[in-house]
Amino acid sequence: MPIELKEDDNLNRVSVPLRYKLAKEDYERFVPEFERLIRLQGKHGVMFDMIEVHGWKLSTGWEDFKFALHHFKDIERIAMVGEKKWQQGMATFCRPFTSAAIRYFDHAEAAAAREWLGEA
């Protein structure tokens, strides 16, 4: 299932439900759409819903690194929503690669994650 962005009207906020095992092709779909939003609306808050993520393919790590470097200042806040310990660890792992505030939320706190993104 391809990666998709769900825009939150008038809030410069997007939700990205991640599914299954992420691959390079997912970034090839996601990045152009995200860049379009940045050109139109400026900085964004991003919520990554990792509930159904089962990991990444090796090539995806490089794509993620390139995206982080290129969009270092385009993201104000990142909310990472998950339910597994390794998903919570991803929030800590990502901090050095962005100037965005990053916060992990358990799946039951998804509404709080959206609210926190809106405070930016």
PDB file of N, CA and C in Angstrom:
ATOM      1  N   MET A   1       0.852  -1.175   0.000  1.00  0.00           N
ATOM      2  CA  MET A   1       0.000   0.000   0.000  1.00  0.00           C
ATOM      3  C   MET A   1       0.899   1.241   0.000  1.00  0.00           C
ATOM      4  N   PRO A   2       0.669   2.162  -0.936  1.00  0.00           N
ATOM      5  CA  PRO A   2       1.541   3.338  -1.030  1.00  0.00           C
ATOM      6  C   PRO A   2       1.346   4.312   0.129  1.00  0.00           C
ATOM      7  N   ILE A   3       2.413   5.015   0.432  1.00  0.00           N
ATOM      8  CA  ILE A   3       2.391   6.038   1.468  1.00  0.00           C
ATOM      9  C   ILE A   3       1.527   7.201   0.982  1.00  0.00           C
ATOM     10  N   GLU A   4       0.820   7.869   1.894  1.00  0.00           N
ATOM     11  CA  GLU A   4      -0.033   8.979   1.495  1.00  0.00           C
ATOM     12  C   GLU A   4       0.043  10.093   2.533  1.00  0.00           C
ATOM     13  N   LEU A   5      -0.254  11.296   2.111  1.00  0.00           N
ATOM     14  CA  LEU A   5      -0.322  12.440   3.010  1.00  0.00           C
ATOM     15  C   LEU A   5      -1.773  12.836   3.164  1.00  0.00           C
ATOM     16  N   LYS A   6      -2.169  13.119   4.391  1.00  0.00           N
ATOM     17  CA  LYS A   6      -3.513  13.622   4.641  1.00  0.00           C
ATOM     18  C   LYS A   6      -3.359  15.038   5.184  1.00  0.00           C
ATOM     19  N   GLU A   7      -3.792  16.019   4.384  1.00  0.00           N
ATOM     20  CA  GLU A   7      -3.666  17.419   4.781  1.00  0.00           C
ATOM     21  C   GLU A   7      -4.745  17.795   5.787  1.00  0.00           C
ATOM     22  N   ASP A   8      -4.369  18.630   6.730  1.00  0.00           N
ATOM     23  CA  ASP A   8      -5.306  19.177   7.696  1.00  0.00           C
ATOM     24  C   ASP A   8      -5.550  20.627   7.277  1.00  0.00           C
ATOM     25  N   ASP A   9      -6.702  20.911   6.757  1.00  0.00           N
ATOM     26  CA  ASP A   9      -7.020  22.220   6.193  1.00  0.00           C
ATOM     27  C   ASP A   9      -6.660  23.367   7.121  1.00  0.00           C
ATOM     28  N   ASN A  10      -5.997  24.360   6.548  1.00  0.00           N
ATOM     29  CA  ASN A  10      -5.686  25.636   7.198  1.00  0.00           C
ATOM     30  C   ASN A  10      -4.756  25.538   8.401  1.00  0.00           C
ATOM     31  N   LEU A  11      -4.147  24.405   8.655  1.00  0.00           N
ATOM     32  CA  LEU A  11      -3.321  24.282   9.837  1.00  0.00           C
ATOM     33  C   LEU A  11      -1.849  23.988   9.529  1.00  0.00           C
ATOM     34  N   ASN A  12      -1.475  23.932   8.266  1.00  0.00           N
ATOM     35  CA  ASN A  12      -0.107  23.590   7.885  1.00  0.00           C
ATOM     36  C   ASN A  12       0.363  22.351   8.649  1.00  0.00           C
ATOM     37  N   ARG A  13      -0.470  21.358   8.575  1.00  0.00           N
ATOM     38  CA  ARG A  13      -0.229  20.118   9.299  1.00  0.00           C
ATOM     39  C   ARG A  13      -0.638  18.962   8.404  1.00  0.00           C
ATOM     40  N   VAL A  14       0.183  17.917   8.367  1.00  0.00           N
ATOM     41  CA  VAL A  14      -0.162  16.727   7.593  1.00  0.00           C
ATOM     42  C   VAL A  14      -0.005  15.490   8.463  1.00  0.00           C
ATOM     43  N   SER A  15      -0.812  14.506   8.156  1.00  0.00           N
ATOM     44  CA  SER A  15      -0.739  13.206   8.804  1.00  0.00           C
ATOM     45  C   SER A  15      -0.249  12.214   7.754  1.00  0.00           C
ATOM     46  N   VAL A  16       0.685  11.370   8.149  1.00  0.00           N
ATOM     47  CA  VAL A  16       1.244  10.387   7.227  1.00  0.00           C
ATOM     48  C   VAL A  16       1.084   8.999   7.851  1.00  0.00           C
ATOM     49  N   PRO A  17       0.024   8.291   7.457  1.00  0.00           N
ATOM     50  CA  PRO A  17      -0.126   6.927   7.974  1.00  0.00           C
ATOM     51  C   PRO A  17       0.875   6.005   7.272  1.00  0.00           C
ATOM     52  N   LEU A  18       1.749   5.399   8.033  1.00  0.00           N
ATOM     53  CA  LEU A  18       2.761   4.504   7.475  1.00  0.00           C
ATOM     54  C   LEU A  18       2.282   3.075   7.643  1.00  0.00           C
ATOM     55  N   ARG A  19       2.433   2.283   6.596  1.00  0.00           N
ATOM     56  CA  ARG A  19       1.912   0.926   6.609  1.00  0.00           C
ATOM     57  C   ARG A  19       2.971  -0.071   6.157  1.00  0.00           C
ATOM     58  N   TYR A  20       2.939  -1.215   6.765  1.00  0.00           N
ATOM     59  CA  TYR A  20       3.728  -2.370   6.371  1.00  0.00           C
ATOM     60  C   TYR A  20       5.220  -2.095   6.457  1.00  0.00           C
ATOM     61  N   LYS A  21       5.982  -2.498   5.474  1.00  0.00           N
ATOM     62  CA  LYS A  21       7.430  -2.310   5.489  1.00  0.00           C
ATOM     63  C   LYS A  21       7.768  -1.231   4.461  1.00  0.00           C
ATOM     64  N   LEU A  22       8.304  -0.104   4.952  1.00  0.00           N
ATOM     65  CA  LEU A  22       8.567   1.038   4.078  1.00  0.00           C
ATOM     66  C   LEU A  22       9.688   0.734   3.090  1.00  0.00           C
ATOM     67  N   ALA A  23       9.501   1.219   1.852  1.00  0.00           N
ATOM     68  CA  ALA A  23      10.469   0.990   0.782  1.00  0.00           C
ATOM     69  C   ALA A  23      10.820   2.319   0.108  1.00  0.00           C
ATOM     70  N   LYS A  24      11.861   2.299  -0.678  1.00  0.00           N
ATOM     71  CA  LYS A  24      12.313   3.488  -1.403  1.00  0.00           C
ATOM     72  C   LYS A  24      11.178   4.095  -2.230  1.00  0.00           C
ATOM     73  N   GLU A  25      10.358   3.256  -2.804  1.00  0.00           N
ATOM     74  CA  GLU A  25       9.238   3.723  -3.634  1.00  0.00           C
ATOM     75  C   GLU A  25       8.253   4.576  -2.839  1.00  0.00           C
ATOM     76  N   ASP A  26       8.124   4.302  -1.559  1.00  0.00           N
ATOM     77  CA  ASP A  26       7.242   5.108  -0.715  1.00  0.00           C
ATOM     78  C   ASP A  26       7.744   6.549  -0.659  1.00  0.00           C
ATOM     79  N   TYR A  27       9.039   6.710  -0.538  1.00  0.00           N
ATOM     80  CA  TYR A  27       9.613   8.064  -0.515  1.00  0.00           C
ATOM     81  C   TYR A  27       9.478   8.740  -1.872  1.00  0.00           C
ATOM     82  N   GLU A  28       9.560   7.984  -2.936  1.00  0.00           N
ATOM     83  CA  GLU A  28       9.403   8.559  -4.272  1.00  0.00           C
ATOM     84  C   GLU A  28       8.003   9.133  -4.474  1.00  0.00           C
ATOM     85  N   ARG A  29       7.020   8.637  -3.747  1.00  0.00           N
ATOM     86  CA  ARG A  29       5.657   9.180  -3.802  1.00  0.00           C
ATOM     87  C   ARG A  29       5.472  10.310  -2.786  1.00  0.00           C
ATOM     88  N   PHE A  30       6.006  10.120  -1.596  1.00  0.00           N
ATOM     89  CA  PHE A  30       5.810  11.054  -0.490  1.00  0.00           C
ATOM     90  C   PHE A  30       6.543  12.382  -0.687  1.00  0.00           C
ATOM     91  N   VAL A  31       7.809  12.348  -1.038  1.00  0.00           N
ATOM     92  CA  VAL A  31       8.637  13.555  -1.078  1.00  0.00           C
ATOM     93  C   VAL A  31       8.094  14.611  -2.038  1.00  0.00           C
ATOM     94  N   PRO A  32       7.754  14.296  -3.289  1.00  0.00           N
ATOM     95  CA  PRO A  32       7.221  15.350  -4.172  1.00  0.00           C
ATOM     96  C   PRO A  32       5.941  15.997  -3.640  1.00  0.00           C
ATOM     97  N   GLU A  33       5.077  15.208  -3.029  1.00  0.00           N
ATOM     98  CA  GLU A  33       3.837  15.762  -2.485  1.00  0.00           C
ATOM     99  C   GLU A  33       4.139  16.673  -1.291  1.00  0.00           C
ATOM    100  N   PHE A  34       5.047  16.264  -0.427  1.00  0.00           N
ATOM    101  CA  PHE A  34       5.429  17.093   0.703  1.00  0.00           C
ATOM    102  C   PHE A  34       6.066  18.392   0.213  1.00  0.00           C
ATOM    103  N   GLU A  35       6.934  18.308  -0.775  1.00  0.00           N
ATOM    104  CA  GLU A  35       7.587  19.506  -1.310  1.00  0.00           C
ATOM    105  C   GLU A  35       6.580  20.468  -1.929  1.00  0.00           C
ATOM    106  N   ARG A  36       5.533  19.936  -2.547  1.00  0.00           N
ATOM    107  CA  ARG A  36       4.472  20.781  -3.103  1.00  0.00           C
ATOM    108  C   ARG A  36       3.796  21.569  -1.977  1.00  0.00           C
ATOM    109  N   LEU A  37       3.506  20.906  -0.877  1.00  0.00           N
ATOM    110  CA  LEU A  37       2.864  21.577   0.251  1.00  0.00           C
ATOM    111  C   LEU A  37       3.759  22.661   0.849  1.00  0.00           C
ATOM    112  N   ILE A  38       5.034  22.398   0.947  1.00  0.00           N
ATOM    113  CA  ILE A  38       5.972  23.383   1.486  1.00  0.00           C
ATOM    114  C   ILE A  38       6.015  24.621   0.583  1.00  0.00           C
ATOM    115  N   ARG A  39       6.054  24.399  -0.736  1.00  0.00           N
ATOM    116  CA  ARG A  39       6.053  25.541  -1.675  1.00  0.00           C
ATOM    117  C   ARG A  39       4.784  26.369  -1.536  1.00  0.00           C
ATOM    118  N   LEU A  40       3.649  25.727  -1.344  1.00  0.00           N
ATOM    119  CA  LEU A  40       2.367  26.426  -1.257  1.00  0.00           C
ATOM    120  C   LEU A  40       2.124  27.087   0.092  1.00  0.00           C
ATOM    121  N   GLN A  41       2.522  26.422   1.177  1.00  0.00           N
ATOM    122  CA  GLN A  41       2.098  26.863   2.503  1.00  0.00           C
ATOM    123  C   GLN A  41       3.219  27.113   3.495  1.00  0.00           C
ATOM    124  N   GLY A  42       4.448  26.829   3.168  1.00  0.00           N
ATOM    125  CA  GLY A  42       5.541  27.025   4.114  1.00  0.00           C
ATOM    126  C   GLY A  42       5.700  25.853   5.075  1.00  0.00           C
ATOM    127  N   LYS A  43       6.307  26.135   6.216  1.00  0.00           N
ATOM    128  CA  LYS A  43       6.611  25.088   7.196  1.00  0.00           C
ATOM    129  C   LYS A  43       5.366  24.323   7.628  1.00  0.00           C
ATOM    130  N   HIS A  44       5.591  23.065   7.988  1.00  0.00           N
ATOM    131  CA  HIS A  44       4.498  22.182   8.379  1.00  0.00           C
ATOM    132  C   HIS A  44       4.829  21.439   9.667  1.00  0.00           C
ATOM    133  N   GLY A  45       3.785  20.970  10.313  1.00  0.00           N
ATOM    134  CA  GLY A  45       3.891  19.970  11.356  1.00  0.00           C
ATOM    135  C   GLY A  45       3.511  18.642  10.727  1.00  0.00           C
ATOM    136  N   VAL A  46       4.178  17.578  11.123  1.00  0.00           N
ATOM    137  CA  VAL A  46       3.931  16.268  10.512  1.00  0.00           C
ATOM    138  C   VAL A  46       3.672  15.237  11.601  1.00  0.00           C
ATOM    139  N   MET A  47       2.591  14.477  11.427  1.00  0.00           N
ATOM    140  CA  MET A  47       2.303  13.365  12.323  1.00  0.00           C
ATOM    141  C   MET A  47       2.521  12.069  11.558  1.00  0.00           C
ATOM    142  N   PHE A  48       3.468  11.273  12.023  1.00  0.00           N
ATOM    143  CA  PHE A  48       3.717   9.961  11.443  1.00  0.00           C
ATOM    144  C   PHE A  48       2.995   8.926  12.294  1.00  0.00           C
ATOM    145  N   ASP A  49       1.987   8.297  11.703  1.00  0.00           N
ATOM    146  CA  ASP A  49       1.222   7.240  12.370  1.00  0.00           C
ATOM    147  C   ASP A  49       1.890   5.918  12.015  1.00  0.00           C
ATOM    148  N   MET A  50       2.612   5.350  12.989  1.00  0.00           N
ATOM    149  CA  MET A  50       3.428   4.161  12.730  1.00  0.00           C
ATOM    150  C   MET A  50       2.780   2.870  13.226  1.00  0.00           C
ATOM    151  N   ILE A  51       1.492   2.885  13.460  1.00  0.00           N
ATOM    152  CA  ILE A  51       0.811   1.734  14.058  1.00  0.00           C
ATOM    153  C   ILE A  51       1.053   0.442  13.277  1.00  0.00           C
ATOM    154  N   GLU A  52       1.000   0.509  11.963  1.00  0.00           N
ATOM    155  CA  GLU A  52       1.123  -0.711  11.158  1.00  0.00           C
ATOM    156  C   GLU A  52       2.487  -0.870  10.490  1.00  0.00           C
ATOM    157  N   VAL A  53       3.484  -0.115  10.927  1.00  0.00           N
ATOM    158  CA  VAL A  53       4.816  -0.231  10.332  1.00  0.00           C
ATOM    159  C   VAL A  53       5.504  -1.481  10.868  1.00  0.00           C
ATOM    160  N   HIS A  54       6.082  -2.221   9.952  1.00  0.00           N
ATOM    161  CA  HIS A  54       6.798  -3.439  10.321  1.00  0.00           C
ATOM    162  C   HIS A  54       8.297  -3.297  10.060  1.00  0.00           C
ATOM    163  N   GLY A  55       8.760  -2.063   9.868  1.00  0.00           N
ATOM    164  CA  GLY A  55      10.180  -1.828   9.635  1.00  0.00           C
ATOM    165  C   GLY A  55      10.432  -1.138   8.313  1.00  0.00           C
ATOM    166  N   TRP A  56      11.692  -1.131   7.930  1.00  0.00           N
ATOM    167  CA  TRP A  56      12.130  -0.463   6.711  1.00  0.00           C
ATOM    168  C   TRP A  56      13.001  -1.413   5.914  1.00  0.00           C
ATOM    169  N   LYS A  57      12.965  -1.251   4.601  1.00  0.00           N
ATOM    170  CA  LYS A  57      13.937  -1.932   3.763  1.00  0.00           C
ATOM    171  C   LYS A  57      15.233  -1.137   3.848  1.00  0.00           C
ATOM    172  N   LEU A  58      16.357  -1.756   3.613  1.00  0.00           N
ATOM    173  CA  LEU A  58      17.659  -1.120   3.750  1.00  0.00           C
ATOM    174  C   LEU A  58      17.763   0.167   2.932  1.00  0.00           C
ATOM    175  N   SER A  59      17.269   0.171   1.713  1.00  0.00           N
ATOM    176  CA  SER A  59      17.352   1.361   0.855  1.00  0.00           C
ATOM    177  C   SER A  59      16.561   2.533   1.418  1.00  0.00           C
ATOM    178  N   THR A  60      15.606   2.265   2.275  1.00  0.00           N
ATOM    179  CA  THR A  60      14.766   3.313   2.839  1.00  0.00           C
ATOM    180  C   THR A  60      15.538   4.202   3.807  1.00  0.00           C
ATOM    181  N   GLY A  61      16.496   3.650   4.500  1.00  0.00           N
ATOM    182  CA  GLY A  61      17.305   4.442   5.426  1.00  0.00           C
ATOM    183  C   GLY A  61      18.007   5.590   4.720  1.00  0.00           C
ATOM    184  N   TRP A  62      18.553   5.335   3.555  1.00  0.00           N
ATOM    185  CA  TRP A  62      19.219   6.382   2.775  1.00  0.00           C
ATOM    186  C   TRP A  62      18.209   7.430   2.320  1.00  0.00           C
ATOM    187  N   GLU A  63      17.046   7.008   1.877  1.00  0.00           N
ATOM    188  CA  GLU A  63      16.015   7.950   1.444  1.00  0.00           C
ATOM    189  C   GLU A  63      15.574   8.832   2.607  1.00  0.00           C
ATOM    190  N   ASP A  64      15.419   8.246   3.777  1.00  0.00           N
ATOM    191  CA  ASP A  64      15.013   8.993   4.956  1.00  0.00           C
ATOM    192  C   ASP A  64      16.080  10.023   5.334  1.00  0.00           C
ATOM    193  N   PHE A  65      17.333   9.636   5.268  1.00  0.00           N
ATOM    194  CA  PHE A  65      18.441  10.538   5.580  1.00  0.00           C
ATOM    195  C   PHE A  65      18.465  11.714   4.597  1.00  0.00           C
ATOM    196  N   LYS A  66      18.308  11.443   3.292  1.00  0.00           N
ATOM    197  CA  LYS A  66      18.296  12.519   2.291  1.00  0.00           C
ATOM    198  C   LYS A  66      17.127  13.472   2.526  1.00  0.00           C
ATOM    199  N   PHE A  67      15.965  12.919   2.836  1.00  0.00           N
ATOM    200  CA  PHE A  67      14.797  13.750   3.103  1.00  0.00           C
ATOM    201  C   PHE A  67      15.053  14.650   4.306  1.00  0.00           C
ATOM    202  N   ALA A  68      15.597  14.083   5.377  1.00  0.00           N
ATOM    203  CA  ALA A  68      15.861  14.858   6.595  1.00  0.00           C
ATOM    204  C   ALA A  68      16.840  16.001   6.321  1.00  0.00           C
ATOM    205  N   LEU A  69      17.879  15.740   5.578  1.00  0.00           N
ATOM    206  CA  LEU A  69      18.856  16.787   5.271  1.00  0.00           C
ATOM    207  C   LEU A  69      18.247  17.896   4.412  1.00  0.00           C
ATOM    208  N   HIS A  70      17.500  17.505   3.416  1.00  0.00           N
ATOM    209  CA  HIS A  70      16.919  18.478   2.484  1.00  0.00           C
ATOM    210  C   HIS A  70      15.818  19.325   3.127  1.00  0.00           C
ATOM    211  N   HIS A  71      15.081  18.751   4.056  1.00  0.00           N
ATOM    212  CA  HIS A  71      13.930  19.441   4.654  1.00  0.00           C
ATOM    213  C   HIS A  71      14.139  19.750   6.137  1.00  0.00           C
ATOM    214  N   PHE A  72      15.388  19.905   6.524  1.00  0.00           N
ATOM    215  CA  PHE A  72      15.777  20.165   7.912  1.00  0.00           C
ATOM    216  C   PHE A  72      14.965  21.292   8.536  1.00  0.00           C
ATOM    217  N   LYS A  73      14.730  22.372   7.797  1.00  0.00           N
ATOM    218  CA  LYS A  73      14.059  23.550   8.352  1.00  0.00           C
ATOM    219  C   LYS A  73      12.609  23.714   7.881  1.00  0.00           C
ATOM    220  N   ASP A  74      12.086  22.751   7.140  1.00  0.00           N
ATOM    221  CA  ASP A  74      10.721  22.854   6.616  1.00  0.00           C
ATOM    222  C   ASP A  74       9.665  22.293   7.560  1.00  0.00           C
ATOM    223  N   ILE A  75      10.101  21.619   8.606  1.00  0.00           N
ATOM    224  CA  ILE A  75       9.167  20.974   9.523  1.00  0.00           C
ATOM    225  C   ILE A  75       9.359  21.581  10.908  1.00  0.00           C
ATOM    226  N   GLU A  76       8.262  22.099  11.489  1.00  0.00           N
ATOM    227  CA  GLU A  76       8.336  22.714  12.820  1.00  0.00           C
ATOM    228  C   GLU A  76       8.222  21.688  13.940  1.00  0.00           C
ATOM    229  N   ARG A  77       7.300  20.761  13.778  1.00  0.00           N
ATOM    230  CA  ARG A  77       7.076  19.731  14.796  1.00  0.00           C
ATOM    231  C   ARG A  77       6.801  18.394  14.126  1.00  0.00           C
ATOM    232  N   ILE A  78       7.275  17.339  14.778  1.00  0.00           N
ATOM    233  CA  ILE A  78       7.010  15.984  14.314  1.00  0.00           C
ATOM    234  C   ILE A  78       6.409  15.204  15.470  1.00  0.00           C
ATOM    235  N   ALA A  79       5.203  14.708  15.259  1.00  0.00           N
ATOM    236  CA  ALA A  79       4.558  13.829  16.234  1.00  0.00           C
ATOM    237  C   ALA A  79       4.649  12.411  15.688  1.00  0.00           C
ATOM    238  N   MET A  80       5.222  11.526  16.472  1.00  0.00           N
ATOM    239  CA  MET A  80       5.349  10.130  16.064  1.00  0.00           C
ATOM    240  C   MET A  80       4.399   9.312  16.926  1.00  0.00           C
ATOM    241  N   VAL A  81       3.425   8.679  16.285  1.00  0.00           N
ATOM    242  CA  VAL A  81       2.393   7.923  16.996  1.00  0.00           C
ATOM    243  C   VAL A  81       2.620   6.439  16.744  1.00  0.00           C
ATOM    244  N   GLY A  82       2.718   5.681  17.811  1.00  0.00           N
ATOM    245  CA  GLY A  82       2.966   4.245  17.659  1.00  0.00           C
ATOM    246  C   GLY A  82       2.475   3.463  18.855  1.00  0.00           C
ATOM    247  N   GLU A  83       2.942   2.227  18.921  1.00  0.00           N
ATOM    248  CA  GLU A  83       2.524   1.361  20.019  1.00  0.00           C
ATOM    249  C   GLU A  83       3.609   0.368  20.422  1.00  0.00           C
ATOM    250  N   LYS A  84       4.798   0.534  19.870  1.00  0.00           N
ATOM    251  CA  LYS A  84       5.881  -0.393  20.179  1.00  0.00           C
ATOM    252  C   LYS A  84       7.088   0.373  20.696  1.00  0.00           C
ATOM    253  N   LYS A  85       7.885  -0.259  21.518  1.00  0.00           N
ATOM    254  CA  LYS A  85       9.050   0.379  22.125  1.00  0.00           C
ATOM    255  C   LYS A  85      10.017   0.904  21.059  1.00  0.00           C
ATOM    256  N   TRP A  86      10.243   0.142  19.970  1.00  0.00           N
ATOM    257  CA  TRP A  86      11.175   0.602  18.946  1.00  0.00           C
ATOM    258  C   TRP A  86      10.649   1.843  18.239  1.00  0.00           C
ATOM    259  N   GLN A  87       9.332   1.984  18.135  1.00  0.00           N
ATOM    260  CA  GLN A  87       8.757   3.179  17.523  1.00  0.00           C
ATOM    261  C   GLN A  87       9.007   4.392  18.407  1.00  0.00           C
ATOM    262  N   GLN A  88       8.907   4.215  19.704  1.00  0.00           N
ATOM    263  CA  GLN A  88       9.204   5.293  20.632  1.00  0.00           C
ATOM    264  C   GLN A  88      10.682   5.690  20.505  1.00  0.00           C
ATOM    265  N   GLY A  89      11.548   4.711  20.332  1.00  0.00           N
ATOM    266  CA  GLY A  89      12.973   4.971  20.151  1.00  0.00           C
ATOM    267  C   GLY A  89      13.281   5.753  18.894  1.00  0.00           C
ATOM    268  N   MET A  90      12.438   5.626  17.881  1.00  0.00           N
ATOM    269  CA  MET A  90      12.654   6.378  16.632  1.00  0.00           C
ATOM    270  C   MET A  90      12.598   7.885  16.875  1.00  0.00           C
ATOM    271  N   ALA A  91      11.776   8.324  17.790  1.00  0.00           N
ATOM    272  CA  ALA A  91      11.688   9.755  18.096  1.00  0.00           C
ATOM    273  C   ALA A  91      13.029  10.265  18.608  1.00  0.00           C
ATOM    274  N   THR A  92      13.663   9.520  19.463  1.00  0.00           N
ATOM    275  CA  THR A  92      14.980   9.898  19.983  1.00  0.00           C
ATOM    276  C   THR A  92      16.030   9.827  18.886  1.00  0.00           C
ATOM    277  N   PHE A  93      15.995   8.776  18.091  1.00  0.00           N
ATOM    278  CA  PHE A  93      16.969   8.588  17.016  1.00  0.00           C
ATOM    279  C   PHE A  93      16.927   9.730  16.001  1.00  0.00           C
ATOM    280  N   CYS A  94      15.747  10.255  15.701  1.00  0.00           N
ATOM    281  CA  CYS A  94      15.581  11.277  14.651  1.00  0.00           C
ATOM    282  C   CYS A  94      16.002  12.678  15.080  1.00  0.00           C
ATOM    283  N   ARG A  95      16.089  12.947  16.351  1.00  0.00           N
ATOM    284  CA  ARG A  95      16.348  14.316  16.826  1.00  0.00           C
ATOM    285  C   ARG A  95      17.574  14.989  16.214  1.00  0.00           C
ATOM    286  N   PRO A  96      18.708  14.327  16.078  1.00  0.00           N
ATOM    287  CA  PRO A  96      19.878  15.024  15.524  1.00  0.00           C
ATOM    288  C   PRO A  96      19.739  15.412  14.041  1.00  0.00           C
ATOM    289  N   PHE A  97      18.753  14.862  13.359  1.00  0.00           N
ATOM    290  CA  PHE A  97      18.620  15.083  11.921  1.00  0.00           C
ATOM    291  C   PHE A  97      17.631  16.182  11.551  1.00  0.00           C
ATOM    292  N   THR A  98      17.089  16.871  12.528  1.00  0.00           N
ATOM    293  CA  THR A  98      16.109  17.916  12.237  1.00  0.00           C
ATOM    294  C   THR A  98      16.148  18.996  13.315  1.00  0.00           C
ATOM    295  N   SER A  99      15.696  20.176  12.944  1.00  0.00           N
ATOM    296  CA  SER A  99      15.554  21.240  13.938  1.00  0.00           C
ATOM    297  C   SER A  99      14.134  21.246  14.512  1.00  0.00           C
ATOM    298  N   ALA A 100      13.290  20.364  14.020  1.00  0.00           N
ATOM    299  CA  ALA A 100      11.904  20.268  14.479  1.00  0.00           C
ATOM    300  C   ALA A 100      11.842  19.705  15.897  1.00  0.00           C
ATOM    301  N   ALA A 101      10.843  20.137  16.641  1.00  0.00           N
ATOM    302  CA  ALA A 101      10.540  19.509  17.927  1.00  0.00           C
ATOM    303  C   ALA A 101       9.924  18.150  17.611  1.00  0.00           C
ATOM    304  N   ILE A 102      10.388  17.106  18.282  1.00  0.00           N
ATOM    305  CA  ILE A 102       9.880  15.756  18.045  1.00  0.00           C
ATOM    306  C   ILE A 102       9.326  15.211  19.352  1.00  0.00           C
ATOM    307  N   ARG A 103       8.148  14.606  19.240  1.00  0.00           N
ATOM    308  CA  ARG A 103       7.533  14.029  20.429  1.00  0.00           C
ATOM    309  C   ARG A 103       6.835  12.726  20.056  1.00  0.00           C
ATOM    310  N   TYR A 104       6.975  11.724  20.902  1.00  0.00           N
ATOM    311  CA  TYR A 104       6.320  10.440  20.702  1.00  0.00           C
ATOM    312  C   TYR A 104       5.005  10.408  21.475  1.00  0.00           C
ATOM    313  N   PHE A 105       3.984   9.833  20.854  1.00  0.00           N
ATOM    314  CA  PHE A 105       2.676   9.641  21.487  1.00  0.00           C
ATOM    315  C   PHE A 105       2.256   8.189  21.288  1.00  0.00           C
ATOM    316  N   ASP A 106       1.705   7.580  22.325  1.00  0.00           N
ATOM    317  CA  ASP A 106       1.110   6.254  22.159  1.00  0.00           C
ATOM    318  C   ASP A 106      -0.133   6.393  21.282  1.00  0.00           C
ATOM    319  N   HIS A 107      -0.512   5.288  20.647  1.00  0.00           N
ATOM    320  CA  HIS A 107      -1.653   5.285  19.734  1.00  0.00           C
ATOM    321  C   HIS A 107      -2.908   5.881  20.364  1.00  0.00           C
ATOM    322  N   ALA A 108      -3.144   5.609  21.636  1.00  0.00           N
ATOM    323  CA  ALA A 108      -4.333   6.127  22.325  1.00  0.00           C
ATOM    324  C   ALA A 108      -4.296   7.651  22.450  1.00  0.00           C
ATOM    325  N   GLU A 109      -3.134   8.257  22.249  1.00  0.00           N
ATOM    326  CA  GLU A 109      -2.972   9.700  22.372  1.00  0.00           C
ATOM    327  C   GLU A 109      -2.918  10.418  21.019  1.00  0.00           C
ATOM    328  N   ALA A 110      -3.439   9.806  19.974  1.00  0.00           N
ATOM    329  CA  ALA A 110      -3.370  10.396  18.628  1.00  0.00           C
ATOM    330  C   ALA A 110      -4.022  11.782  18.584  1.00  0.00           C
ATOM    331  N   ALA A 111      -5.129  11.969  19.272  1.00  0.00           N
ATOM    332  CA  ALA A 111      -5.789  13.284  19.299  1.00  0.00           C
ATOM    333  C   ALA A 111      -4.887  14.316  19.960  1.00  0.00           C
ATOM    334  N   ALA A 112      -4.187  13.940  21.015  1.00  0.00           N
ATOM    335  CA  ALA A 112      -3.249  14.853  21.679  1.00  0.00           C
ATOM    336  C   ALA A 112      -2.087  15.191  20.753  1.00  0.00           C
ATOM    337  N   ALA A 113      -1.666  14.249  19.933  1.00  0.00           N
ATOM    338  CA  ALA A 113      -0.589  14.506  18.974  1.00  0.00           C
ATOM    339  C   ALA A 113      -1.021  15.564  17.959  1.00  0.00           C
ATOM    340  N   ARG A 114      -2.236  15.444  17.461  1.00  0.00           N
ATOM    341  CA  ARG A 114      -2.764  16.438  16.506  1.00  0.00           C
ATOM    342  C   ARG A 114      -2.853  17.824  17.170  1.00  0.00           C
ATOM    343  N   GLU A 115      -3.307  17.843  18.397  1.00  0.00           N
ATOM    344  CA  GLU A 115      -3.431  19.102  19.130  1.00  0.00           C
ATOM    345  C   GLU A 115      -2.045  19.736  19.336  1.00  0.00           C
ATOM    346  N   TRP A 116      -1.067  18.935  19.708  1.00  0.00           N
ATOM    347  CA  TRP A 116       0.292  19.433  19.923  1.00  0.00           C
ATOM    348  C   TRP A 116       0.875  20.002  18.631  1.00  0.00           C
ATOM    349  N   LEU A 117       0.610  19.346  17.511  1.00  0.00           N
ATOM    350  CA  LEU A 117       1.086  19.875  16.235  1.00  0.00           C
ATOM    351  C   LEU A 117       0.468  21.240  15.934  1.00  0.00           C
ATOM    352  N   GLY A 118      -0.786  21.413  16.290  1.00  0.00           N
ATOM    353  CA  GLY A 118      -1.489  22.666  16.027  1.00  0.00           C
ATOM    354  C   GLY A 118      -1.011  23.821  16.869  1.00  0.00           C
ATOM    355  N   GLU A 119      -0.244  23.557  17.917  1.00  0.00           N
ATOM    356  CA  GLU A 119       0.266  24.620  18.785  1.00  0.00           C
ATOM    357  C   GLU A 119       1.471  25.328  18.195  1.00  0.00           C
ATOM    358  N   ALA A 120       2.052  24.759  17.152  1.00  0.00           N
ATOM    359  CA  ALA A 120       3.266  25.361  16.560  1.00  0.00           C
ATOM    360  C   ALA A 120       2.969  26.696  15.913  1.00  0.00           C
TER     361      ALA A 120
END
